[in-house]
């Protein structure tokens, strides 16, 4: 348990685990992977008027366009907080989202 924030520091989400083998284990690849995941999440969140940012490489901040924000521990907790800020469920099968993602592809 973190003495500053009161959150569990022993439970690490699978997206934040350090890789010990392969090319991904090389120095500097973990921050790149973290930022790549943030870019992908932001493509989805943009449809709902939200944005997620890295917070010191240990947490995330999800924001809406009204200036409200929520701190999330990991990407697993991101979607629940994003739904709270959006005020509606984030449906990955929403035809509007799929059309948006197909049009916003890179």
C-alpha atoms as a PDB file:
ATOM      1  CA  UNK A   1       0.000   0.000   0.000  1.00  0.00           C
ATOM      2  CA  UNK A   2       1.357   3.402  -0.944  1.00  0.00           C
ATOM      3  CA  UNK A   3       1.702   5.635   2.127  1.00  0.00           C
ATOM      4  CA  UNK A   4       1.014   8.759   0.049  1.00  0.00           C
ATOM      5  CA  UNK A   5      -2.026   7.814  -2.014  1.00  0.00           C
ATOM      6  CA  UNK A   6      -3.373   4.761  -0.168  1.00  0.00           C
ATOM      7  CA  UNK A   7      -3.540   2.639  -3.318  1.00  0.00           C
ATOM      8  CA  UNK A   8      -2.167  -0.824  -3.773  1.00  0.00           C
ATOM      9  CA  UNK A   9       1.276  -0.809  -5.360  1.00  0.00           C
ATOM     10  CA  UNK A  10       1.597  -4.584  -5.395  1.00  0.00           C
ATOM     11  CA  UNK A  11      -1.101  -5.169  -7.971  1.00  0.00           C
ATOM     12  CA  UNK A  12       0.319  -4.457 -11.424  1.00  0.00           C
ATOM     13  CA  UNK A  13      -1.998  -4.458 -14.437  1.00  0.00           C
ATOM     14  CA  UNK A  14      -0.789  -6.744 -17.217  1.00  0.00           C
ATOM     15  CA  UNK A  15      -0.208  -3.791 -19.551  1.00  0.00           C
ATOM     16  CA  UNK A  16       2.312  -2.330 -17.083  1.00  0.00           C
ATOM     17  CA  UNK A  17       4.317  -5.481 -16.432  1.00  0.00           C
ATOM     18  CA  UNK A  18       7.940  -5.336 -17.477  1.00  0.00           C
ATOM     19  CA  UNK A  19       8.938  -7.735 -20.194  1.00  0.00           C
ATOM     20  CA  UNK A  20      12.011  -9.800 -19.471  1.00  0.00           C
ATOM     21  CA  UNK A  21      12.548 -11.474 -22.840  1.00  0.00           C
ATOM     22  CA  UNK A  22      12.553 -10.545 -26.495  1.00  0.00           C
ATOM     23  CA  UNK A  23      13.049  -7.242 -28.249  1.00  0.00           C
ATOM     24  CA  UNK A  24      10.481  -5.536 -25.995  1.00  0.00           C
ATOM     25  CA  UNK A  25      12.787  -6.127 -23.013  1.00  0.00           C
ATOM     26  CA  UNK A  26      15.416  -3.803 -24.470  1.00  0.00           C
ATOM     27  CA  UNK A  27      16.066  -0.509 -22.788  1.00  0.00           C
ATOM     28  CA  UNK A  28      13.609   2.258 -23.618  1.00  0.00           C
ATOM     29  CA  UNK A  29      10.910   0.107 -25.182  1.00  0.00           C
ATOM     30  CA  UNK A  30       8.518   0.187 -22.199  1.00  0.00           C
ATOM     31  CA  UNK A  31       7.904   3.953 -22.272  1.00  0.00           C
ATOM     32  CA  UNK A  32       7.383   3.717 -26.037  1.00  0.00           C
ATOM     33  CA  UNK A  33       4.880   0.910 -25.568  1.00  0.00           C
ATOM     34  CA  UNK A  34       3.078   2.887 -22.860  1.00  0.00           C
ATOM     35  CA  UNK A  35       2.784   5.906 -25.158  1.00  0.00           C
ATOM     36  CA  UNK A  36       1.636   3.704 -28.048  1.00  0.00           C
ATOM     37  CA  UNK A  37      -1.157   2.328 -25.837  1.00  0.00           C
ATOM     38  CA  UNK A  38      -2.117   5.886 -24.850  1.00  0.00           C
ATOM     39  CA  UNK A  39      -2.297   6.916 -28.535  1.00  0.00           C
ATOM     40  CA  UNK A  40      -4.554   3.942 -29.292  1.00  0.00           C
ATOM     41  CA  UNK A  41      -6.806   4.661 -26.308  1.00  0.00           C
ATOM     42  CA  UNK A  42      -7.023   8.316 -27.331  1.00  0.00           C
ATOM     43  CA  UNK A  43      -8.283   7.349 -30.782  1.00  0.00           C
ATOM     44  CA  UNK A  44     -11.263   5.653 -29.100  1.00  0.00           C
ATOM     45  CA  UNK A  45     -11.721   8.256 -26.369  1.00  0.00           C
ATOM     46  CA  UNK A  46     -11.737  11.146 -28.864  1.00  0.00           C
ATOM     47  CA  UNK A  47     -15.074   9.881 -30.177  1.00  0.00           C
ATOM     48  CA  UNK A  48     -16.514  10.465 -26.694  1.00  0.00           C
ATOM     49  CA  UNK A  49     -14.824  13.849 -26.229  1.00  0.00           C
ATOM     50  CA  UNK A  50     -12.253  12.470 -23.797  1.00  0.00           C
ATOM     51  CA  UNK A  51      -8.486  12.253 -23.657  1.00  0.00           C
ATOM     52  CA  UNK A  52      -6.051  10.218 -21.571  1.00  0.00           C
ATOM     53  CA  UNK A  53      -2.530  11.333 -20.641  1.00  0.00           C
ATOM     54  CA  UNK A  54       0.373   9.684 -18.941  1.00  0.00           C
ATOM     55  CA  UNK A  55       1.086  10.817 -15.403  1.00  0.00           C
ATOM     56  CA  UNK A  56       4.753  10.323 -14.538  1.00  0.00           C
ATOM     57  CA  UNK A  57       4.811   6.888 -16.133  1.00  0.00           C
ATOM     58  CA  UNK A  58       2.862   5.352 -13.237  1.00  0.00           C
ATOM     59  CA  UNK A  59      -0.764   6.448 -13.638  1.00  0.00           C
ATOM     60  CA  UNK A  60      -3.076   8.022 -16.173  1.00  0.00           C
ATOM     61  CA  UNK A  61      -5.303  11.083 -16.187  1.00  0.00           C
ATOM     62  CA  UNK A  62      -8.482  10.993 -18.238  1.00  0.00           C
ATOM     63  CA  UNK A  63     -10.067  14.355 -19.029  1.00  0.00           C
ATOM     64  CA  UNK A  64     -13.194  15.634 -20.702  1.00  0.00           C
ATOM     65  CA  UNK A  65     -13.709  18.877 -22.605  1.00  0.00           C
ATOM     66  CA  UNK A  66     -15.416  20.492 -19.605  1.00  0.00           C
ATOM     67  CA  UNK A  67     -12.181  20.340 -17.604  1.00  0.00           C
ATOM     68  CA  UNK A  68     -13.172  17.444 -15.392  1.00  0.00           C
ATOM     69  CA  UNK A  69     -10.531  14.786 -14.824  1.00  0.00           C
ATOM     70  CA  UNK A  70     -10.021  11.476 -13.079  1.00  0.00           C
ATOM     71  CA  UNK A  71      -6.793   9.750 -12.118  1.00  0.00           C
ATOM     72  CA  UNK A  72      -6.669   6.072 -12.985  1.00  0.00           C
ATOM     73  CA  UNK A  73      -4.186   3.474 -11.795  1.00  0.00           C
ATOM     74  CA  UNK A  74      -3.922   1.551 -15.057  1.00  0.00           C
ATOM     75  CA  UNK A  75      -5.547   1.015 -18.432  1.00  0.00           C
ATOM     76  CA  UNK A  76      -7.858  -1.585 -16.885  1.00  0.00           C
ATOM     77  CA  UNK A  77      -9.456   1.132 -14.779  1.00  0.00           C
ATOM     78  CA  UNK A  78      -9.479   3.683 -17.572  1.00  0.00           C
ATOM     79  CA  UNK A  79     -12.724   2.616 -19.210  1.00  0.00           C
ATOM     80  CA  UNK A  80     -14.855   2.793 -16.066  1.00  0.00           C
ATOM     81  CA  UNK A  81     -13.636   6.326 -15.348  1.00  0.00           C
ATOM     82  CA  UNK A  82     -14.091   7.295 -19.003  1.00  0.00           C
ATOM     83  CA  UNK A  83     -17.710   6.115 -18.874  1.00  0.00           C
ATOM     84  CA  UNK A  84     -18.204   8.173 -15.717  1.00  0.00           C
ATOM     85  CA  UNK A  85     -16.880  11.318 -17.424  1.00  0.00           C
ATOM     86  CA  UNK A  86     -18.719  10.647 -20.692  1.00  0.00           C
ATOM     87  CA  UNK A  87     -21.967   9.992 -18.820  1.00  0.00           C
ATOM     88  CA  UNK A  88     -22.745   6.987 -20.959  1.00  0.00           C
ATOM     89  CA  UNK A  89     -21.408   3.510 -21.652  1.00  0.00           C
ATOM     90  CA  UNK A  90     -18.455   3.221 -24.024  1.00  0.00           C
ATOM     91  CA  UNK A  91     -19.648   0.569 -26.425  1.00  0.00           C
ATOM     92  CA  UNK A  92     -16.880  -0.932 -28.605  1.00  0.00           C
ATOM     93  CA  UNK A  93     -19.573  -2.209 -30.980  1.00  0.00           C
ATOM     94  CA  UNK A  94     -21.168   1.227 -31.449  1.00  0.00           C
ATOM     95  CA  UNK A  95     -21.538   1.674 -35.246  1.00  0.00           C
ATOM     96  CA  UNK A  96     -20.754   5.385 -34.860  1.00  0.00           C
ATOM     97  CA  UNK A  97     -17.486   4.606 -33.064  1.00  0.00           C
ATOM     98  CA  UNK A  98     -16.506   2.074 -35.710  1.00  0.00           C
ATOM     99  CA  UNK A  99     -17.250   4.548 -38.506  1.00  0.00           C
ATOM    100  CA  UNK A 100     -15.248   7.208 -36.646  1.00  0.00           C
ATOM    101  CA  UNK A 101     -12.274   4.879 -36.205  1.00  0.00           C
ATOM    102  CA  UNK A 102     -12.348   3.809 -39.833  1.00  0.00           C
ATOM    103  CA  UNK A 103     -12.407   7.430 -40.932  1.00  0.00           C
ATOM    104  CA  UNK A 104      -9.746   8.535 -38.464  1.00  0.00           C
ATOM    105  CA  UNK A 105      -7.327   5.696 -39.280  1.00  0.00           C
ATOM    106  CA  UNK A 106      -3.630   6.308 -39.580  1.00  0.00           C
END
